[in-house]
N, C-alpha and C. Protein backbone atom coordinates (compact mmCIF):
# COMPACT_ATOMS: atom_id res chain seq x y z
N UNK A 1 95.95 66.42 75.51
CA UNK A 1 97.72 66.50 74.81
C UNK A 1 98.41 67.60 75.34
N UNK A 2 98.11 68.86 76.28
CA UNK A 2 98.78 69.77 76.66
C UNK A 2 99.17 69.13 77.86
N UNK A 3 98.73 68.21 78.49
CA UNK A 3 98.78 67.62 79.93
C UNK A 3 99.91 66.86 79.70
N UNK A 4 100.31 66.02 78.40
CA UNK A 4 101.83 65.34 78.45
C UNK A 4 102.44 65.91 77.93
N UNK A 5 102.21 67.27 77.56
CA UNK A 5 103.46 68.19 77.07
C UNK A 5 103.99 68.58 78.68
N UNK A 6 103.25 68.97 79.22
CA UNK A 6 103.47 69.55 80.97
C UNK A 6 103.91 68.33 82.06
N UNK A 7 104.12 67.14 81.60
CA UNK A 7 104.19 66.10 82.43
C UNK A 7 105.38 66.46 83.16
N UNK A 8 106.46 66.51 82.87
CA UNK A 8 107.66 66.73 83.83
C UNK A 8 107.11 67.45 85.01
N UNK A 9 106.27 68.65 85.00
CA UNK A 9 106.25 69.54 85.63
C UNK A 9 105.35 68.86 87.10
N UNK A 10 104.15 67.52 86.35
CA UNK A 10 103.20 67.54 87.01
C UNK A 10 104.24 66.14 88.18
N UNK A 11 105.21 65.38 87.41
CA UNK A 11 105.68 64.80 87.78
C UNK A 11 106.61 65.31 89.06
N UNK A 12 107.54 66.71 89.04
CA UNK A 12 108.00 67.62 89.59
C UNK A 12 107.65 67.83 90.63
N UNK A 13 106.55 68.15 90.71
CA UNK A 13 105.47 68.30 91.86
C UNK A 13 104.78 66.86 92.88
N UNK A 14 104.83 66.25 92.21
CA UNK A 14 104.54 64.35 92.74
C UNK A 14 105.74 64.72 94.19
N UNK A 15 106.89 64.70 92.83
CA UNK A 15 108.42 64.65 93.61
C UNK A 15 108.17 65.24 94.93
N UNK A 16 108.31 66.57 94.74
CA UNK A 16 108.24 67.83 95.88
C UNK A 16 107.05 67.29 96.90
N UNK A 17 105.83 66.33 96.47
CA UNK A 17 104.75 66.40 97.25
C UNK A 17 104.24 67.95 97.59
N UNK A 18 103.62 68.19 96.47
CA UNK A 18 103.09 69.28 96.65
C UNK A 18 101.62 69.21 97.26
N UNK A 19 101.23 70.06 98.28
CA UNK A 19 99.79 69.74 98.35
C UNK A 19 98.52 70.42 97.43
N UNK A 20 97.40 70.42 98.15
CA UNK A 20 96.02 70.79 97.41
C UNK A 20 96.22 70.88 95.90
N UNK A 21 96.99 69.61 95.31
CA UNK A 21 97.08 70.24 93.65
C UNK A 21 95.68 69.91 93.18
N UNK A 22 95.82 70.27 92.22
CA UNK A 22 94.77 70.34 90.97
C UNK A 22 94.83 70.54 89.61
N UNK A 23 94.73 69.70 88.81
CA UNK A 23 95.00 69.63 87.64
C UNK A 23 93.69 69.75 86.44
N UNK A 24 93.86 70.72 85.94
CA UNK A 24 92.67 70.40 84.77
C UNK A 24 93.20 70.59 83.06
N UNK A 25 92.61 70.33 82.47
CA UNK A 25 92.51 70.79 81.22
C UNK A 25 91.27 71.12 80.15
N UNK A 26 91.66 72.48 80.04
CA UNK A 26 90.33 73.30 79.61
C UNK A 26 90.95 74.15 78.20
N UNK A 27 90.18 73.79 77.03
CA UNK A 27 90.21 74.45 75.70
C UNK A 27 91.79 74.85 75.37
N UNK A 28 92.50 73.75 75.45
CA UNK A 28 94.10 73.70 75.32
C UNK A 28 94.74 74.17 76.12
N UNK A 29 94.28 74.49 77.69
CA UNK A 29 95.29 75.28 78.32
C UNK A 29 94.83 74.05 79.75
N UNK A 30 96.12 74.11 80.17
CA UNK A 30 96.15 73.38 81.39
C UNK A 30 96.54 74.37 82.17
N UNK A 31 95.99 73.91 83.80
CA UNK A 31 95.29 74.86 85.03
C UNK A 31 95.69 73.73 85.93
N UNK A 32 96.87 74.19 86.70
CA UNK A 32 97.35 73.43 87.55
C UNK A 32 97.70 74.36 88.98
N UNK A 33 97.22 73.83 90.12
CA UNK A 33 97.49 74.84 90.75
C UNK A 33 97.86 73.95 92.32
N UNK A 34 98.21 74.12 93.31
CA UNK A 34 98.62 73.49 94.34
C UNK A 34 99.64 74.76 95.33
N UNK A 35 100.34 73.90 96.67
CA UNK A 35 101.07 74.82 97.27
C UNK A 35 102.12 73.84 97.79
N UNK A 36 103.75 74.61 97.35
CA UNK A 36 104.87 74.00 97.72
C UNK A 36 104.81 74.31 99.38
N UNK A 37 106.20 73.26 99.77
CA UNK A 37 106.82 74.17 101.00
C UNK A 37 107.28 75.13 101.13
N UNK A 38 108.03 75.35 100.26
CA UNK A 38 109.29 76.61 100.10
C UNK A 38 108.65 77.14 98.93
N UNK A 39 109.54 78.47 99.12
CA UNK A 39 109.50 79.12 97.20
C UNK A 39 110.87 78.43 96.94
N UNK A 40 111.86 78.11 97.43
CA UNK A 40 112.53 77.23 96.38
C UNK A 40 111.57 76.34 95.37
N UNK A 41 111.20 75.53 96.00
CA UNK A 41 110.16 74.41 95.83
C UNK A 41 109.31 75.20 94.33
N UNK A 42 108.60 76.22 95.03
CA UNK A 42 108.36 76.82 93.63
C UNK A 42 109.14 77.13 92.68
N UNK A 43 110.03 77.79 92.85
CA UNK A 43 110.77 78.45 91.92
C UNK A 43 111.24 77.41 90.68
N UNK A 44 111.36 75.78 91.68
CA UNK A 44 111.99 74.24 90.82
C UNK A 44 110.66 74.08 89.88
N UNK A 45 109.68 74.48 90.03
CA UNK A 45 108.53 74.52 89.29
C UNK A 45 108.66 75.32 88.08
N UNK A 46 108.68 76.36 88.55
CA UNK A 46 108.16 77.36 87.53
C UNK A 46 109.45 77.40 86.63
N UNK A 47 110.61 76.76 86.96
CA UNK A 47 112.00 76.74 86.13
C UNK A 47 111.66 75.53 85.00
N UNK A 48 111.06 74.33 85.55
CA UNK A 48 110.50 73.43 84.67
C UNK A 48 109.39 73.75 83.38
N UNK A 49 108.64 74.43 83.96
CA UNK A 49 107.35 75.36 83.63
C UNK A 49 107.91 75.60 82.24
N UNK A 50 109.05 77.03 82.50
CA UNK A 50 109.47 77.65 81.39
C UNK A 50 110.63 76.99 80.86
N UNK A 51 110.96 75.93 81.28
CA UNK A 51 112.00 74.98 80.04
C UNK A 51 111.15 74.25 79.12
N UNK A 52 109.71 73.84 79.38
CA UNK A 52 108.92 73.13 78.43
C UNK A 52 108.54 74.49 77.70
N UNK A 53 107.44 75.33 78.29
CA UNK A 53 106.71 76.08 77.67
C UNK A 53 107.16 77.67 77.20
N UNK A 54 108.48 77.91 77.81
CA UNK A 54 108.99 79.27 77.46
C UNK A 54 109.01 80.38 78.75
N UNK A 55 109.41 81.23 78.24
CA UNK A 55 109.11 82.37 79.63
C UNK A 55 107.56 82.97 79.75
N UNK A 56 106.59 83.01 78.95
CA UNK A 56 105.05 83.21 79.45
C UNK A 56 104.59 82.21 78.35
N UNK A 57 104.36 80.90 78.94
CA UNK A 57 103.33 79.66 78.04
C UNK A 57 102.27 80.31 78.23
N UNK A 58 101.16 79.91 76.78
CA UNK A 58 100.06 80.58 76.60
C UNK A 58 99.04 79.08 77.03
N UNK A 59 99.92 78.09 76.95
CA UNK A 59 98.85 76.91 76.60
C UNK A 59 98.87 76.20 78.68
N UNK A 60 99.08 77.34 79.33
CA UNK A 60 99.16 76.76 80.93
C UNK A 60 99.35 77.67 81.69
N UNK A 61 98.29 77.61 82.61
CA UNK A 61 97.87 78.65 83.80
C UNK A 61 98.43 77.79 85.25
N UNK A 62 99.24 78.37 85.75
CA UNK A 62 99.51 77.79 86.99
C UNK A 62 99.69 79.09 88.42
N UNK A 63 98.87 78.61 89.65
CA UNK A 63 98.27 79.14 90.49
C UNK A 63 99.40 78.51 91.58
N UNK A 64 100.37 78.57 92.12
CA UNK A 64 101.67 77.90 92.85
C UNK A 64 101.74 78.96 94.41
N UNK A 65 101.15 78.55 95.12
CA UNK A 65 101.45 79.18 96.50
C UNK A 65 102.27 78.71 97.38
N UNK A 66 103.11 79.23 98.48
CA UNK A 66 103.78 78.72 98.94
C UNK A 66 103.61 78.38 100.58
N UNK A 67 103.74 77.36 101.22
CA UNK A 67 102.89 77.31 102.89
C UNK A 67 103.91 78.20 103.57
N UNK A 68 105.39 78.05 103.64
CA UNK A 68 106.42 78.67 104.52
C UNK A 68 106.93 79.46 103.79
N UNK A 69 106.91 80.94 103.43
CA UNK A 69 107.27 81.92 103.27
C UNK A 69 108.65 82.69 104.15
N UNK A 70 108.50 82.36 105.38
CA UNK A 70 109.23 83.03 106.37
C UNK A 70 111.35 82.08 106.30
N UNK A 71 110.86 81.27 105.27
CA UNK A 71 112.36 80.79 104.89
C UNK A 71 112.53 80.52 103.09
N UNK A 72 113.56 80.26 102.38
CA UNK A 72 113.56 80.52 101.19
C UNK A 72 113.56 78.99 101.31
N UNK A 73 114.13 78.20 101.75
CA UNK A 73 114.09 76.32 101.72
C UNK A 73 114.75 75.90 103.24
N UNK A 74 114.22 75.02 103.52
CA UNK A 74 114.82 74.02 104.34
C UNK A 74 115.70 72.67 103.91
N UNK A 75 117.00 72.92 104.07
CA UNK A 75 118.13 72.23 104.01
C UNK A 75 118.38 70.65 104.51
N UNK A 76 118.54 69.65 104.10
CA UNK A 76 119.41 68.37 105.01
C UNK A 76 120.53 68.37 104.10
N UNK A 77 121.36 68.37 105.44
CA UNK A 77 122.89 68.31 104.96
C UNK A 77 123.23 66.51 104.74
N UNK A 78 123.86 66.68 103.59
CA UNK A 78 124.19 65.67 102.91
C UNK A 78 126.06 65.30 102.68
N UNK A 79 126.37 64.23 103.38
CA UNK A 79 127.81 63.98 103.26
C UNK A 79 129.08 64.64 102.33
N UNK A 80 129.43 65.28 102.60
CA UNK A 80 130.41 66.03 101.82
C UNK A 80 130.18 67.89 101.90
N UNK A 81 128.98 67.86 101.83
CA UNK A 81 128.63 69.23 101.87
C UNK A 81 128.94 70.00 102.56
N UNK A 82 129.40 71.75 102.26
CA UNK A 82 129.55 72.67 103.35
C UNK A 82 128.63 73.35 102.97
N UNK A 83 129.14 74.60 104.31
CA UNK A 83 128.05 75.86 104.04
C UNK A 83 127.94 76.47 102.72
N UNK A 84 129.37 76.55 101.58
CA UNK A 84 129.49 77.70 100.95
C UNK A 84 129.09 76.48 99.54
N UNK A 85 129.24 75.33 99.78
CA UNK A 85 128.66 74.30 98.59
C UNK A 85 127.03 74.70 98.64
N UNK A 86 126.74 74.62 99.74
CA UNK A 86 124.95 74.87 99.80
C UNK A 86 124.18 76.54 99.62
N UNK A 87 125.30 77.19 99.93
CA UNK A 87 125.30 78.76 99.44
C UNK A 87 125.19 78.70 97.63
N UNK A 88 126.29 77.91 97.16
CA UNK A 88 126.25 78.12 95.63
C UNK A 88 124.44 77.49 95.01
N UNK A 89 124.48 76.21 95.65
CA UNK A 89 123.47 75.61 95.15
C UNK A 89 122.33 76.52 95.17
N UNK A 90 121.74 77.24 96.32
CA UNK A 90 120.56 78.20 96.25
C UNK A 90 120.67 79.62 95.96
N UNK A 91 121.93 80.25 96.33
CA UNK A 91 121.91 82.00 95.63
C UNK A 91 122.51 81.83 94.43
N UNK A 92 123.43 80.62 94.48
CA UNK A 92 124.24 80.82 92.74
C UNK A 92 125.95 82.02 93.21
N UNK A 93 126.05 81.82 94.38
CA UNK A 93 126.93 82.29 95.16
C UNK A 93 127.73 81.70 96.36
N UNK A 94 128.66 81.36 96.22
CA UNK A 94 129.20 80.23 97.51
C UNK A 94 129.68 81.15 98.66
N UNK A 95 129.93 82.47 98.37
CA UNK A 95 130.13 83.76 99.90
C UNK A 95 129.21 84.05 100.40
N UNK A 96 128.11 83.70 100.16
CA UNK A 96 126.74 84.06 100.93
C UNK A 96 126.61 82.97 102.14
N UNK A 97 127.56 81.95 102.35
CA UNK A 97 127.55 80.67 103.16
C UNK A 97 127.29 81.87 104.59
N UNK A 98 127.86 82.73 104.73
CA UNK A 98 127.41 83.58 106.23
C UNK A 98 125.99 83.85 106.34
N UNK A 99 125.18 83.98 105.56
CA UNK A 99 123.90 84.47 105.49
C UNK A 99 123.33 83.02 106.23
N UNK A 100 123.48 81.50 105.55
CA UNK A 100 122.78 80.36 105.91
C UNK A 100 123.61 80.28 107.30
N UNK A 101 124.78 80.85 107.56
CA UNK A 101 125.63 80.22 109.12
C UNK A 101 124.55 81.05 109.61
N UNK A 102 124.44 82.69 109.84
CA UNK A 102 123.49 83.40 110.53
C UNK A 102 122.33 82.90 110.72
N UNK A 103 121.80 82.46 110.04
CA UNK A 103 120.00 81.87 110.28
C UNK A 103 119.95 80.62 110.92
N UNK A 104 121.55 80.41 111.23
CA UNK A 104 121.39 79.00 111.89
C UNK A 104 122.02 78.78 113.15
N UNK A 105 122.48 79.84 113.76
CA UNK A 105 123.44 79.96 114.68
C UNK A 105 122.78 79.06 116.32
N UNK A 106 121.39 79.17 115.93
CA UNK A 106 121.12 78.03 117.04
C UNK A 106 121.82 76.79 117.28
N UNK A 107 122.08 75.81 115.76
CA UNK A 107 122.24 74.94 115.87
C UNK A 107 123.92 74.90 115.55
N UNK A 108 124.46 76.28 115.07
CA UNK A 108 125.52 76.17 114.27
C UNK A 108 126.34 76.90 115.06
N UNK A 109 127.74 76.45 115.50
CA UNK A 109 128.59 77.08 116.35
C UNK A 109 130.25 77.59 115.44
N UNK A 110 130.07 76.50 114.25
CA UNK A 110 131.11 77.43 113.93
C UNK A 110 130.64 76.83 112.23
N UNK A 111 130.63 77.75 111.20
CA UNK A 111 130.31 77.48 109.60
C UNK A 111 131.58 76.53 108.85
N UNK A 112 132.11 76.13 109.63
CA UNK A 112 133.25 74.86 109.06
C UNK A 112 132.84 73.59 109.53
N UNK A 113 131.67 73.61 110.63
CA UNK A 113 131.27 72.16 111.29
C UNK A 113 129.81 72.07 110.66
N UNK A 114 129.35 71.55 109.80
CA UNK A 114 128.19 70.78 109.62
C UNK A 114 127.97 69.21 109.44
N UNK A 115 126.94 68.61 109.96
CA UNK A 115 126.80 67.34 109.80
C UNK A 115 125.76 66.79 108.98
N UNK A 116 126.04 65.73 108.33
CA UNK A 116 124.81 64.95 107.58
C UNK A 116 123.71 64.88 108.58
N UNK A 117 122.39 64.96 107.81
CA UNK A 117 121.54 65.04 108.64
C UNK A 117 120.80 66.32 109.34
N UNK A 118 121.49 67.24 109.68
CA UNK A 118 121.33 68.49 110.16
C UNK A 118 120.44 69.28 109.31
N UNK A 119 118.91 70.08 109.79
CA UNK A 119 118.36 70.75 108.81
C UNK A 119 118.52 72.04 108.93
N UNK A 120 119.02 72.69 108.05
CA UNK A 120 119.35 73.93 107.86
C UNK A 120 118.22 75.23 107.19
N UNK A 121 117.89 76.15 108.06
CA UNK A 121 117.08 77.30 107.49
C UNK A 121 117.64 77.96 106.49
N UNK A 122 117.35 77.90 105.09
CA UNK A 122 118.19 78.60 104.24
C UNK A 122 117.55 79.98 104.08
N UNK A 123 117.77 81.08 104.48
CA UNK A 123 116.89 81.96 104.75
C UNK A 123 116.72 82.81 102.81
N UNK A 124 115.55 83.68 103.07
CA UNK A 124 115.31 84.22 101.75
C UNK A 124 116.54 85.44 101.61
N UNK A 125 116.46 85.76 100.23
CA UNK A 125 117.82 86.82 100.02
C UNK A 125 117.05 87.94 100.45
């Protein structure tokens, strides 16, 4: 029963390709664990958990590790995106585009020139 309540979390974990995943239901408590690629993906899972169970769910215990803590996320540029749009998505603040530019000077020479399919590092805040 608890597992079906949190099925959207499990579906998201599958979509994010969480590694070393394990799900067990024990005495009405769902225990999930796994490893996401980045902190951003871990945050997405926690946001989904809180959306379903509130800020401190008593029917779920989660142990989510992060594989690569050196970056917040790795983003593949899509057509029509800009660094400020990407910064707004990850940080909630478009003006933090300079942070993304600074972390990618090995690939970017101008913050106004990014191209689809480029993989950009989104640095930790």
